[in-house]
Amino acid sequence: MPQTLHRLTGTGPVGIGHSQLWALWEYTYEDSDDGRPCNRRWTVRVSLDEAEGLGIYPYQWVHLQLPGRPVVRALFQGGKDAPPFALLTFER
């Protein structure tokens, strides 16, 4: 069965670990055969200073919360600097 990629984007307060930042975010996922989301990925754009202040490192499990959504436990895959921003990627 072909997979359909779903994409949600927005801006607002994003919880990462013990911090809450104003960020631009994107959430993508596919539907599995039983209808549940799979291959979930979050990309969060924050300032370089805010990214450094998070104190998280690649391959660390962190709590992640997008505006209006429940908290999820996601694996921080790493960040990519695109001054003056950093793009942080999380997967589950």
C-alpha atoms as a PDB file:
ATOM      1  CA  MET A   1       0.000   0.000   0.000  1.00  0.00           C
ATOM      2  CA  PRO A   2       1.472   3.404  -0.918  1.00  0.00           C
ATOM      3  CA  GLN A   3       2.298   5.613   2.030  1.00  0.00           C
ATOM      4  CA  THR A   4       0.936   9.134   2.259  1.00  0.00           C
ATOM      5  CA  LEU A   5       3.166  11.731   3.873  1.00  0.00           C
ATOM      6  CA  HIS A   6       1.298  14.097   6.165  1.00  0.00           C
ATOM      7  CA  ARG A   7       2.833  17.488   6.987  1.00  0.00           C
ATOM      8  CA  LEU A   8       1.832  20.029   9.624  1.00  0.00           C
ATOM      9  CA  THR A   9       3.646  23.331  10.123  1.00  0.00           C
ATOM     10  CA  GLY A  10       3.299  26.275  12.446  1.00  0.00           C
ATOM     11  CA  THR A  11       4.865  28.735  14.832  1.00  0.00           C
ATOM     12  CA  GLY A  12       4.525  29.094  18.550  1.00  0.00           C
ATOM     13  CA  PRO A  13       5.905  27.963  21.887  1.00  0.00           C
ATOM     14  CA  VAL A  14       7.667  24.600  21.532  1.00  0.00           C
ATOM     15  CA  GLY A  15       8.759  22.629  24.588  1.00  0.00           C
ATOM     16  CA  ILE A  16      12.136  20.914  24.208  1.00  0.00           C
ATOM     17  CA  GLY A  17      13.416  19.148  27.303  1.00  0.00           C
ATOM     18  CA  HIS A  18      13.027  21.585  30.207  1.00  0.00           C
ATOM     19  CA  SER A  19      12.905  24.669  27.949  1.00  0.00           C
ATOM     20  CA  GLN A  20      10.142  26.394  26.070  1.00  0.00           C
ATOM     21  CA  LEU A  21      11.032  28.475  23.005  1.00  0.00           C
ATOM     22  CA  TRP A  22       9.183  30.381  20.324  1.00  0.00           C
ATOM     23  CA  ALA A  23       9.923  28.469  17.121  1.00  0.00           C
ATOM     24  CA  LEU A  24       8.921  27.609  13.582  1.00  0.00           C
ATOM     25  CA  TRP A  25       8.158  23.876  13.440  1.00  0.00           C
ATOM     26  CA  GLU A  26       7.255  21.127  10.991  1.00  0.00           C
ATOM     27  CA  TYR A  27       5.833  17.693  11.846  1.00  0.00           C
ATOM     28  CA  THR A  28       5.706  14.925   9.228  1.00  0.00           C
ATOM     29  CA  TYR A  29       4.446  11.353   9.469  1.00  0.00           C
ATOM     30  CA  GLU A  30       3.043   8.488   7.433  1.00  0.00           C
ATOM     31  CA  ASP A  31       0.085   6.216   8.153  1.00  0.00           C
ATOM     32  CA  SER A  32       0.949   2.625   8.990  1.00  0.00           C
ATOM     33  CA  ASP A  33      -1.211  -0.276   7.815  1.00  0.00           C
ATOM     34  CA  ASP A  34      -3.209  -0.153  11.057  1.00  0.00           C
ATOM     35  CA  GLY A  35      -3.821   3.606  10.677  1.00  0.00           C
ATOM     36  CA  ARG A  36      -1.440   4.803  13.369  1.00  0.00           C
ATOM     37  CA  PRO A  37       1.265   7.400  12.622  1.00  0.00           C
ATOM     38  CA  CYS A  38       4.716   6.020  11.816  1.00  0.00           C
ATOM     39  CA  ASN A  39       8.032   7.456  10.608  1.00  0.00           C
ATOM     40  CA  ARG A  40       7.357  10.571  12.651  1.00  0.00           C
ATOM     41  CA  ARG A  41       9.795  13.466  12.285  1.00  0.00           C
ATOM     42  CA  TRP A  42       9.872  16.942  13.816  1.00  0.00           C
ATOM     43  CA  THR A  43      12.005  19.828  12.575  1.00  0.00           C
ATOM     44  CA  VAL A  44      12.226  22.893  14.791  1.00  0.00           C
ATOM     45  CA  ARG A  45      13.891  26.170  13.790  1.00  0.00           C
ATOM     46  CA  VAL A  46      15.270  28.282  16.646  1.00  0.00           C
ATOM     47  CA  SER A  47      17.990  30.905  16.962  1.00  0.00           C
ATOM     48  CA  LEU A  48      21.585  29.696  17.306  1.00  0.00           C
ATOM     49  CA  ASP A  49      21.770  31.112  20.844  1.00  0.00           C
ATOM     50  CA  GLU A  50      18.604  29.296  21.900  1.00  0.00           C
ATOM     51  CA  ALA A  51      19.827  26.025  20.373  1.00  0.00           C
ATOM     52  CA  GLU A  52      23.088  26.204  22.327  1.00  0.00           C
ATOM     53  CA  GLY A  53      21.205  27.000  25.529  1.00  0.00           C
ATOM     54  CA  LEU A  54      19.073  23.845  25.309  1.00  0.00           C
ATOM     55  CA  GLY A  55      21.906  21.644  26.553  1.00  0.00           C
ATOM     56  CA  ILE A  56      20.851  18.624  24.509  1.00  0.00           C
ATOM     57  CA  TYR A  57      23.117  16.449  22.401  1.00  0.00           C
ATOM     58  CA  PRO A  58      22.537  14.157  19.393  1.00  0.00           C
ATOM     59  CA  TYR A  59      20.915  10.776  20.056  1.00  0.00           C
ATOM     60  CA  GLN A  60      19.447  11.904  23.355  1.00  0.00           C
ATOM     61  CA  TRP A  61      15.793  11.188  24.132  1.00  0.00           C
ATOM     62  CA  VAL A  62      13.980  14.413  25.037  1.00  0.00           C
ATOM     63  CA  HIS A  63      10.442  15.530  25.734  1.00  0.00           C
ATOM     64  CA  LEU A  64       9.041  17.527  22.841  1.00  0.00           C
ATOM     65  CA  GLN A  65       5.770  19.438  22.784  1.00  0.00           C
ATOM     66  CA  LEU A  66       4.337  21.365  19.859  1.00  0.00           C
ATOM     67  CA  PRO A  67       1.646  24.002  20.477  1.00  0.00           C
ATOM     68  CA  GLY A  68      -1.715  22.406  21.231  1.00  0.00           C
ATOM     69  CA  ARG A  69      -0.321  18.854  21.149  1.00  0.00           C
ATOM     70  CA  PRO A  70       0.588  16.359  23.881  1.00  0.00           C
ATOM     71  CA  VAL A  71       4.164  15.849  25.016  1.00  0.00           C
ATOM     72  CA  VAL A  72       6.043  13.097  23.129  1.00  0.00           C
ATOM     73  CA  ARG A  73       9.375  11.452  23.779  1.00  0.00           C
ATOM     74  CA  ALA A  74      11.553  11.930  20.699  1.00  0.00           C
ATOM     75  CA  LEU A  75      15.146  11.155  19.737  1.00  0.00           C
ATOM     76  CA  PHE A  76      17.192  14.268  18.968  1.00  0.00           C
ATOM     77  CA  GLN A  77      18.967  13.492  15.688  1.00  0.00           C
ATOM     78  CA  GLY A  78      21.080  16.640  15.673  1.00  0.00           C
ATOM     79  CA  GLY A  79      21.076  20.146  14.367  1.00  0.00           C
ATOM     80  CA  LYS A  80      22.138  22.003  11.278  1.00  0.00           C
ATOM     81  CA  ASP A  81      23.328  25.581  11.549  1.00  0.00           C
ATOM     82  CA  ALA A  82      21.853  28.010   9.040  1.00  0.00           C
ATOM     83  CA  PRO A  83      22.823  31.348  10.642  1.00  0.00           C
ATOM     84  CA  PRO A  84      21.155  33.048  12.360  1.00  0.00           C
ATOM     85  CA  PHE A  85      19.060  29.908  12.922  1.00  0.00           C
ATOM     86  CA  ALA A  86      19.562  26.276  13.811  1.00  0.00           C
ATOM     87  CA  LEU A  87      17.368  23.475  12.443  1.00  0.00           C
ATOM     88  CA  LEU A  88      16.867  20.770  15.068  1.00  0.00           C
ATOM     89  CA  THR A  89      15.608  17.348  13.951  1.00  0.00           C
ATOM     90  CA  PHE A  90      13.802  14.824  16.137  1.00  0.00           C
ATOM     91  CA  GLU A  91      12.451  11.375  15.241  1.00  0.00           C
ATOM     92  CA  ARG A  92      10.376   8.634  16.756  1.00  0.00           C
END
